[in-house]
């Protein structure tokens, strides 16, 4: 499992060997904000906004984004929890998992909902 820790400024202070393998980079390259170099260009603004949330003492935070590793796109789901020292926020501890490409969610229309209900015997 890929694990990481950040400081209260959102800078990565620790990454596991699995994190390095997943992101295709050395530990030294991944630290601080180095891991952001792997974020897919279309997800960069989203991840910059997520970093702003990560610098707040929110109890938990999750993000789904893509990275580019040697021209291969990988989907990542990351979860982190706030680390506190008393009342002081000192950073986050988290995990990053490679997931398959998320399925596209298609909203049900009134007609399609009726068809689905008919198939379910309702």
Protein backbone atom coordinates (compact mmCIF):
# COMPACT_ATOMS: atom_id res chain seq x y z
CA UNK A 1 0.00 0.00 0.00
CA UNK A 2 1.32 3.43 -0.95
CA UNK A 3 1.54 5.65 2.13
CA UNK A 4 2.55 9.25 2.61
CA UNK A 5 2.70 12.06 5.15
CA UNK A 6 2.59 15.82 4.71
CA UNK A 7 3.39 18.75 6.94
CA UNK A 8 0.96 21.53 7.85
CA UNK A 9 1.89 23.37 4.63
CA UNK A 10 0.81 20.41 2.47
CA UNK A 11 4.35 19.44 1.52
CA UNK A 12 5.13 15.74 1.38
CA UNK A 13 7.60 14.73 4.11
CA UNK A 14 7.43 10.93 3.75
CA UNK A 15 6.55 8.43 1.01
CA UNK A 16 6.73 4.64 1.17
CA UNK A 17 8.53 2.41 -1.31
CA UNK A 18 5.12 1.45 -2.76
CA UNK A 19 4.29 5.14 -3.29
CA UNK A 20 7.54 5.54 -5.23
CA UNK A 21 6.72 2.49 -7.36
CA UNK A 22 3.16 3.66 -8.04
CA UNK A 23 4.25 7.16 -9.03
CA UNK A 24 7.35 5.93 -10.87
CA UNK A 25 9.75 8.22 -9.05
CA UNK A 26 12.42 8.15 -6.40
CA UNK A 27 11.64 9.09 -2.81
CA UNK A 28 13.74 12.22 -3.14
CA UNK A 29 11.88 13.28 -6.31
CA UNK A 30 8.45 12.65 -4.72
CA UNK A 31 9.04 14.67 -1.55
CA UNK A 32 7.91 18.26 -1.03
CA UNK A 33 5.67 18.89 -4.08
CA UNK A 34 7.62 16.66 -6.45
CA UNK A 35 4.81 14.09 -6.72
CA UNK A 36 2.61 16.79 -8.32
CA UNK A 37 4.78 16.52 -11.45
CA UNK A 38 2.98 13.22 -12.12
CA UNK A 39 -0.54 14.66 -11.91
CA UNK A 40 -2.35 14.56 -15.27
CA UNK A 41 -2.54 18.07 -16.78
CA UNK A 42 -6.37 17.92 -16.87
CA UNK A 43 -6.46 17.18 -13.11
CA UNK A 44 -3.88 19.74 -12.02
CA UNK A 45 -6.31 22.56 -11.06
CA UNK A 46 -8.45 20.07 -9.09
CA UNK A 47 -5.41 18.77 -7.21
CA UNK A 48 -4.18 22.29 -6.45
CA UNK A 49 -7.60 22.98 -4.90
CA UNK A 50 -7.41 19.68 -2.99
CA UNK A 51 -4.00 20.71 -1.62
CA UNK A 52 -5.62 23.84 -0.17
CA UNK A 53 -8.14 21.60 1.64
CA UNK A 54 -5.30 19.34 2.78
CA UNK A 55 -3.74 22.22 4.70
CA UNK A 56 -6.82 22.48 6.92
CA UNK A 57 -7.52 20.23 9.91
CA UNK A 58 -10.38 18.41 8.15
CA UNK A 59 -10.70 15.02 9.80
CA UNK A 60 -10.59 13.11 6.51
CA UNK A 61 -10.00 14.00 2.87
CA UNK A 62 -10.29 11.94 -0.29
CA UNK A 63 -9.27 12.67 -3.87
CA UNK A 64 -9.64 10.82 -7.17
CA UNK A 65 -7.25 11.90 -9.91
CA UNK A 66 -5.00 10.69 -12.71
CA UNK A 67 -1.24 10.55 -12.89
CA UNK A 68 1.04 10.07 -15.88
CA UNK A 69 3.87 7.60 -15.36
CA UNK A 70 6.05 7.09 -18.43
CA UNK A 71 3.09 8.04 -20.69
CA UNK A 72 0.77 5.56 -18.93
CA UNK A 73 -2.36 7.02 -17.30
CA UNK A 74 -3.14 5.65 -13.83
CA UNK A 75 -6.23 6.47 -11.79
CA UNK A 76 -5.48 7.15 -8.12
CA UNK A 77 -7.77 7.29 -5.09
CA UNK A 78 -6.11 8.97 -2.12
CA UNK A 79 -7.40 9.14 1.45
CA UNK A 80 -5.85 11.07 4.31
CA UNK A 81 -6.56 12.00 7.89
CA UNK A 82 -5.44 15.03 9.86
CA UNK A 83 -2.54 14.60 12.28
CA UNK A 84 -2.98 16.70 15.39
CA UNK A 85 -0.74 17.56 18.31
CA UNK A 86 -3.24 18.69 20.90
CA UNK A 87 -5.26 21.37 19.11
CA UNK A 88 -2.53 22.05 16.54
CA UNK A 89 -2.77 20.67 13.01
CA UNK A 90 0.65 19.27 12.07
CA UNK A 91 -0.08 17.55 8.75
CA UNK A 92 -1.77 14.59 7.14
CA UNK A 93 -1.17 10.86 6.95
CA UNK A 94 -2.61 9.02 3.99
CA UNK A 95 -2.74 6.21 1.49
CA UNK A 96 -2.88 6.22 -2.31
CA UNK A 97 -4.37 3.33 -4.27
CA UNK A 98 -4.38 2.64 -7.98
CA UNK A 99 -7.94 2.07 -9.12
CA UNK A 100 -9.36 1.11 -12.49
CA UNK A 101 -10.82 3.80 -14.69
CA UNK A 102 -14.03 4.91 -12.97
CA UNK A 103 -17.25 3.97 -14.70
CA UNK A 104 -19.17 6.79 -16.30
CA UNK A 105 -22.29 7.57 -14.32
CA UNK A 106 -25.30 8.16 -16.54
CA UNK A 107 -28.22 9.93 -14.87
CA UNK A 108 -31.55 8.18 -15.13
CA UNK A 109 -34.28 9.89 -17.08
CA UNK A 110 -37.95 9.26 -16.36
CA UNK A 111 -38.11 6.86 -19.35
CA UNK A 112 -34.97 4.91 -18.44
CA UNK A 113 -36.07 4.70 -14.80
CA UNK A 114 -39.38 3.17 -15.95
CA UNK A 115 -37.51 0.65 -18.12
CA UNK A 116 -35.16 -0.28 -15.24
CA UNK A 117 -38.10 -0.65 -12.85
CA UNK A 118 -39.85 -2.90 -15.40
CA UNK A 119 -36.80 -5.16 -15.56
CA UNK A 120 -36.77 -5.35 -11.78
CA UNK A 121 -40.43 -6.43 -11.76
CA UNK A 122 -41.82 -3.24 -10.27
